[in-house]
Amino acid sequence: MFIANGQPGRHGRDQASLMGVVRIAQNIGETKPRILRMLRTMERRGLVRKSDTGTYRLGTTAIVLGTVASTEVDLVRIANPILEELGQKANETTQLRIIDNGESLCIAKFEPMRDLRVQAMIGRRPPLTAGSYEVLLAFLHHQVQRQMIPDVLPRLSKRTITDRGKLLAELEKIKRQGFCVSFGEMSEQLVSVSAPVLAFDGSVIAAVNVGPPAFRTQRSDVDRFIVLLKDAAGKISARLGW
């Protein structure tokens, strides 16, 4: 929580905000301009809110995220050993991703002990409409799915699908086959394979992913990853009640 108190008077709000920035900058060892930019970004996203006196407090988004995070503890706890087992069998990086605020959010990962590997970052938020993260979209109800697809699809590589009709057709294919394979849609150097994790009611709650570098990945490797992913996703789903 950011709390920065000031005494309002003439230009009171500006002085209070400046005092808040100074205190926060001193506490975490950052510059005032950088802290101000961070606070403005967080305020736009609802993570903090500024009072009339210049006090920064947790915003509604942060409170909601905290509540959601508490419900995800069991999911991460269940998934972590399965992610590790999957990563050791595949000898590649594995991730657990969920839908959060219209994006794909990494909440757990495993990286193998090898020199060249894909680095996963917990908290990273790529779009849902590119790469094997499309598996999260594919298993949503059609009405919700279409609401989450923007009119303009971001292009992340020359292989990214940017046509809405083609994306919808691809989502139907992913749902039929029960997994998603991406060759360079996020980055031309990466291959990505994902399978859905289902909750007790059959709704998609997460996706398990294997992400190897493209230069060492053959079609036979992808076929092996699909088998491993289906098994891993099935184990997590079963422990969640599906």
Protein backbone atom coordinates (compact mmCIF):
# COMPACT_ATOMS: atom_id res chain seq x y z
CA MET A 1 0.00 0.00 0.00
CA PHE A 2 1.26 3.51 -0.87
CA ILE A 3 0.42 6.08 1.79
CA ALA A 4 1.78 9.61 1.43
CA ASN A 5 0.28 12.32 3.55
CA GLY A 6 0.55 16.07 2.95
CA GLN A 7 -1.03 19.26 4.21
CA PRO A 8 -3.29 20.84 1.57
CA GLY A 9 -3.29 24.59 1.21
CA ARG A 10 -2.71 26.80 -1.81
CA HIS A 11 -1.60 24.29 -4.45
CA GLY A 12 -2.29 21.73 -1.72
CA ARG A 13 -2.97 18.82 -4.01
CA ASP A 14 0.24 19.30 -6.00
CA GLN A 15 2.30 19.61 -2.80
CA ALA A 16 0.69 16.51 -1.30
CA SER A 17 1.31 14.50 -4.46
CA LEU A 18 4.91 15.69 -4.61
CA MET A 19 5.46 14.69 -1.00
CA GLY A 20 3.99 11.29 -1.80
CA VAL A 21 6.34 10.79 -4.72
CA VAL A 22 9.34 11.92 -2.66
CA ARG A 23 8.59 9.53 0.20
CA ILE A 24 7.95 6.58 -2.07
CA ALA A 25 11.09 7.33 -4.09
CA GLN A 26 13.18 7.49 -0.92
CA ASN A 27 11.71 4.25 0.43
CA ILE A 28 12.41 2.15 -2.65
CA GLY A 29 15.42 3.98 -4.05
CA GLU A 30 13.89 5.18 -7.31
CA THR A 31 13.80 8.60 -8.96
CA LYS A 32 10.81 10.92 -8.51
CA PRO A 33 9.90 11.06 -12.22
CA ARG A 34 9.89 7.25 -12.47
CA ILE A 35 7.73 6.88 -9.34
CA LEU A 36 5.29 9.49 -10.65
CA ARG A 37 4.97 7.65 -13.98
CA MET A 38 4.45 4.35 -12.15
CA LEU A 39 1.75 5.83 -9.90
CA ARG A 40 -0.06 7.39 -12.84
CA THR A 41 -0.03 4.07 -14.70
CA MET A 42 -1.23 2.19 -11.62
CA GLU A 43 -3.97 4.78 -11.06
CA ARG A 44 -5.22 4.41 -14.66
CA ARG A 45 -5.43 0.65 -14.12
CA GLY A 46 -7.23 0.97 -10.81
CA LEU A 47 -4.37 -0.47 -8.75
CA VAL A 48 -4.07 2.70 -6.64
CA ARG A 49 -6.25 5.73 -6.10
CA LYS A 50 -5.32 9.22 -5.00
CA SER A 51 -7.39 11.08 -2.42
CA ASP A 52 -8.06 14.82 -2.38
CA THR A 53 -5.14 15.21 0.04
CA GLY A 54 -2.74 13.36 -2.25
CA THR A 55 -2.79 10.09 -0.32
CA TYR A 56 -2.28 6.99 -2.49
CA ARG A 57 -4.22 3.93 -1.41
CA LEU A 58 -5.01 0.53 -2.91
CA GLY A 59 -7.50 0.80 -5.75
CA THR A 60 -10.47 -1.45 -6.43
CA THR A 61 -8.58 -3.45 -9.05
CA ALA A 62 -5.85 -4.34 -6.55
CA ILE A 63 -8.45 -5.44 -4.02
CA VAL A 64 -10.23 -7.61 -6.59
CA LEU A 65 -6.92 -9.10 -7.72
CA GLY A 66 -6.08 -9.94 -4.14
CA THR A 67 -9.39 -11.76 -3.74
CA VAL A 68 -8.93 -13.64 -7.00
CA ALA A 69 -5.35 -14.51 -6.09
CA SER A 70 -6.50 -16.16 -2.89
CA THR A 71 -8.74 -18.50 -4.89
CA GLU A 72 -5.84 -19.35 -7.22
CA VAL A 73 -3.58 -20.59 -4.42
CA ASP A 74 -5.03 -24.11 -4.64
CA LEU A 75 -4.67 -24.11 -8.43
CA VAL A 76 -0.97 -23.20 -8.24
CA ARG A 77 -0.36 -25.62 -5.36
CA ILE A 78 -1.94 -28.47 -7.31
CA ALA A 79 -0.27 -27.56 -10.60
CA ASN A 80 3.33 -26.95 -9.46
CA PRO A 81 4.44 -30.59 -9.02
CA ILE A 82 2.64 -31.56 -12.23
CA LEU A 83 4.33 -28.68 -14.11
CA GLU A 84 7.69 -29.87 -12.82
CA GLU A 85 7.01 -33.47 -13.84
CA LEU A 86 5.89 -32.29 -17.28
CA GLY A 87 8.96 -30.07 -17.65
CA GLN A 88 11.32 -32.87 -16.71
CA LYS A 89 9.73 -35.29 -19.17
CA ALA A 90 9.70 -32.71 -21.97
CA ASN A 91 13.04 -31.20 -20.88
CA GLU A 92 11.57 -27.82 -21.79
CA THR A 93 9.99 -24.82 -20.05
CA THR A 94 6.41 -25.28 -18.85
CA GLN A 95 3.86 -22.70 -17.72
CA LEU A 96 0.40 -22.45 -16.17
CA ARG A 97 -1.67 -19.57 -17.54
CA ILE A 98 -5.09 -18.11 -16.77
CA ILE A 99 -7.28 -15.42 -18.31
CA ASP A 100 -7.00 -12.15 -16.44
CA ASN A 101 -8.44 -8.85 -17.61
CA GLY A 102 -8.63 -10.09 -21.19
CA GLU A 103 -5.01 -11.25 -21.25
CA SER A 104 -3.09 -14.47 -20.71
CA LEU A 105 -1.40 -14.33 -17.29
CA CYS A 106 1.42 -16.67 -16.24
CA ILE A 107 0.90 -17.76 -12.61
CA ALA A 108 3.32 -20.71 -12.35
CA LYS A 109 6.27 -22.10 -14.28
CA PHE A 110 9.07 -24.67 -14.41
CA GLU A 111 12.37 -24.27 -16.28
CA PRO A 112 14.70 -27.23 -16.95
CA MET A 113 18.39 -27.22 -16.10
CA ARG A 114 19.80 -26.73 -19.58
CA ASP A 115 21.87 -23.96 -21.10
CA LEU A 116 19.46 -22.98 -23.88
CA ARG A 117 15.86 -22.77 -22.74
CA VAL A 118 12.87 -20.48 -23.02
CA GLN A 119 12.64 -18.12 -20.06
CA ALA A 120 9.18 -17.83 -18.55
CA MET A 121 8.12 -14.87 -16.42
CA ILE A 122 5.39 -15.09 -13.79
CA GLY A 123 3.13 -12.09 -14.26
CA ARG A 124 3.83 -11.70 -17.98
CA ARG A 125 0.70 -10.84 -19.97
CA PRO A 126 0.73 -11.63 -23.70
CA PRO A 127 -2.55 -11.32 -25.63
CA LEU A 128 -4.98 -14.23 -25.80
CA THR A 129 -5.29 -13.97 -29.57
CA ALA A 130 -1.78 -15.12 -30.52
CA GLY A 131 0.18 -18.31 -29.99
CA SER A 132 -0.97 -21.35 -28.08
CA TYR A 133 -2.65 -19.11 -25.48
CA GLU A 134 -5.55 -19.21 -27.95
CA VAL A 135 -6.52 -22.46 -26.20
CA LEU A 136 -7.90 -20.35 -23.34
CA LEU A 137 -10.19 -18.51 -25.78
CA ALA A 138 -11.18 -21.67 -27.64
CA PHE A 139 -12.90 -23.26 -24.65
CA LEU A 140 -14.92 -20.21 -23.63
CA HIS A 141 -18.64 -19.85 -24.36
CA HIS A 142 -19.02 -18.38 -27.87
CA GLN A 143 -20.60 -15.14 -26.66
CA VAL A 144 -17.85 -14.51 -24.09
CA GLN A 145 -15.21 -15.55 -26.59
CA ARG A 146 -16.33 -13.00 -29.15
CA GLN A 147 -16.52 -10.24 -26.56
CA MET A 148 -12.88 -10.87 -25.67
CA ILE A 149 -11.57 -10.73 -29.24
CA PRO A 150 -10.70 -7.14 -30.20
CA ASP A 151 -11.67 -5.70 -33.57
CA VAL A 152 -7.99 -5.15 -34.39
CA LEU A 153 -5.75 -8.13 -33.61
CA PRO A 154 -2.16 -7.30 -32.64
CA ARG A 155 0.59 -8.64 -34.90
CA LEU A 156 3.49 -10.08 -32.90
CA SER A 157 5.26 -11.86 -35.75
CA LYS A 158 4.72 -12.46 -39.47
CA ARG A 159 2.85 -15.67 -38.55
CA THR A 160 0.36 -14.07 -36.15
CA ILE A 161 -3.28 -14.41 -37.19
CA THR A 162 -4.67 -10.89 -37.63
CA ASP A 163 -7.92 -11.70 -39.44
CA ARG A 164 -10.86 -12.13 -37.04
CA GLY A 165 -12.62 -14.72 -39.22
CA LYS A 166 -9.49 -16.85 -39.51
CA LEU A 167 -8.97 -16.64 -35.75
CA LEU A 168 -12.53 -17.82 -35.04
CA ALA A 169 -12.02 -20.76 -37.41
CA GLU A 170 -8.74 -21.60 -35.66
CA LEU A 171 -10.46 -21.51 -32.26
CA GLU A 172 -13.07 -24.00 -33.49
CA LYS A 173 -10.27 -26.31 -34.67
CA ILE A 174 -8.46 -26.01 -31.32
CA LYS A 175 -11.61 -26.91 -29.40
CA ARG A 176 -12.27 -29.96 -31.60
CA GLN A 177 -8.76 -31.35 -31.22
CA GLY A 178 -8.38 -30.42 -27.54
CA PHE A 179 -4.99 -28.66 -27.77
CA CYS A 180 -3.22 -25.82 -29.56
CA VAL A 181 0.11 -25.77 -31.40
CA SER A 182 1.77 -22.50 -32.41
CA PHE A 183 4.75 -22.28 -34.72
CA GLY A 184 6.15 -18.78 -34.35
CA GLU A 185 2.92 -16.81 -33.81
CA MET A 186 4.31 -15.04 -30.75
CA SER A 187 7.95 -15.10 -31.84
CA GLU A 188 9.49 -16.79 -34.86
CA GLN A 189 12.09 -18.35 -32.57
CA LEU A 190 9.52 -20.17 -30.43
CA VAL A 191 7.19 -23.13 -30.65
CA SER A 192 4.34 -23.32 -28.15
CA VAL A 193 1.95 -26.15 -27.30
CA SER A 194 -0.95 -25.84 -24.82
CA ALA A 195 -3.83 -27.87 -23.41
CA PRO A 196 -6.79 -26.65 -21.33
CA VAL A 197 -7.30 -27.23 -17.61
CA LEU A 198 -10.98 -27.65 -16.76
CA ALA A 199 -12.84 -26.85 -13.55
CA PHE A 200 -15.42 -29.13 -11.91
CA ASP A 201 -18.18 -27.79 -14.19
CA GLY A 202 -16.19 -28.28 -17.39
CA SER A 203 -15.34 -24.62 -17.85
CA VAL A 204 -11.78 -23.68 -18.81
CA ILE A 205 -9.88 -22.35 -15.81
CA ALA A 206 -6.27 -22.42 -17.04
CA ALA A 207 -3.92 -23.75 -19.69
CA VAL A 208 -0.74 -25.81 -19.39
CA ASN A 209 2.00 -24.95 -21.85
CA VAL A 210 5.29 -26.35 -23.15
CA GLY A 211 7.48 -23.78 -24.88
CA PRO A 212 10.67 -24.95 -26.63
CA PRO A 213 12.99 -23.01 -28.97
CA ALA A 214 12.04 -23.53 -32.62
CA PHE A 215 15.55 -24.48 -33.79
CA ARG A 216 15.55 -27.80 -31.91
CA THR A 217 11.87 -28.73 -32.19
CA GLN A 218 10.74 -31.33 -34.72
CA ARG A 219 7.19 -32.46 -35.48
CA SER A 220 7.87 -35.65 -33.54
CA ASP A 221 8.73 -33.51 -30.50
CA VAL A 222 5.44 -31.62 -30.83
CA ASP A 223 3.49 -34.89 -31.00
CA ARG A 224 5.24 -36.05 -27.82
CA PHE A 225 4.50 -32.74 -26.07
CA ILE A 226 0.80 -33.05 -26.97
CA VAL A 227 0.59 -36.45 -25.26
CA LEU A 228 2.43 -35.16 -22.17
CA LEU A 229 0.31 -32.00 -22.01
CA LYS A 230 -2.99 -33.83 -22.23
CA ASP A 231 -1.89 -36.07 -19.38
CA ALA A 232 -0.71 -33.13 -17.24
CA ALA A 233 -3.82 -31.03 -17.92
CA GLY A 234 -6.00 -34.05 -17.16
CA LYS A 235 -4.28 -34.59 -13.79
CA ILE A 236 -4.75 -30.96 -12.75
CA SER A 237 -8.36 -30.95 -13.94
CA ALA A 238 -9.13 -34.15 -12.03
CA ARG A 239 -7.73 -32.68 -8.81
CA LEU A 240 -9.94 -29.64 -9.32
CA GLY A 241 -12.99 -31.89 -9.52
CA TRP A 242 -13.42 -32.42 -13.28
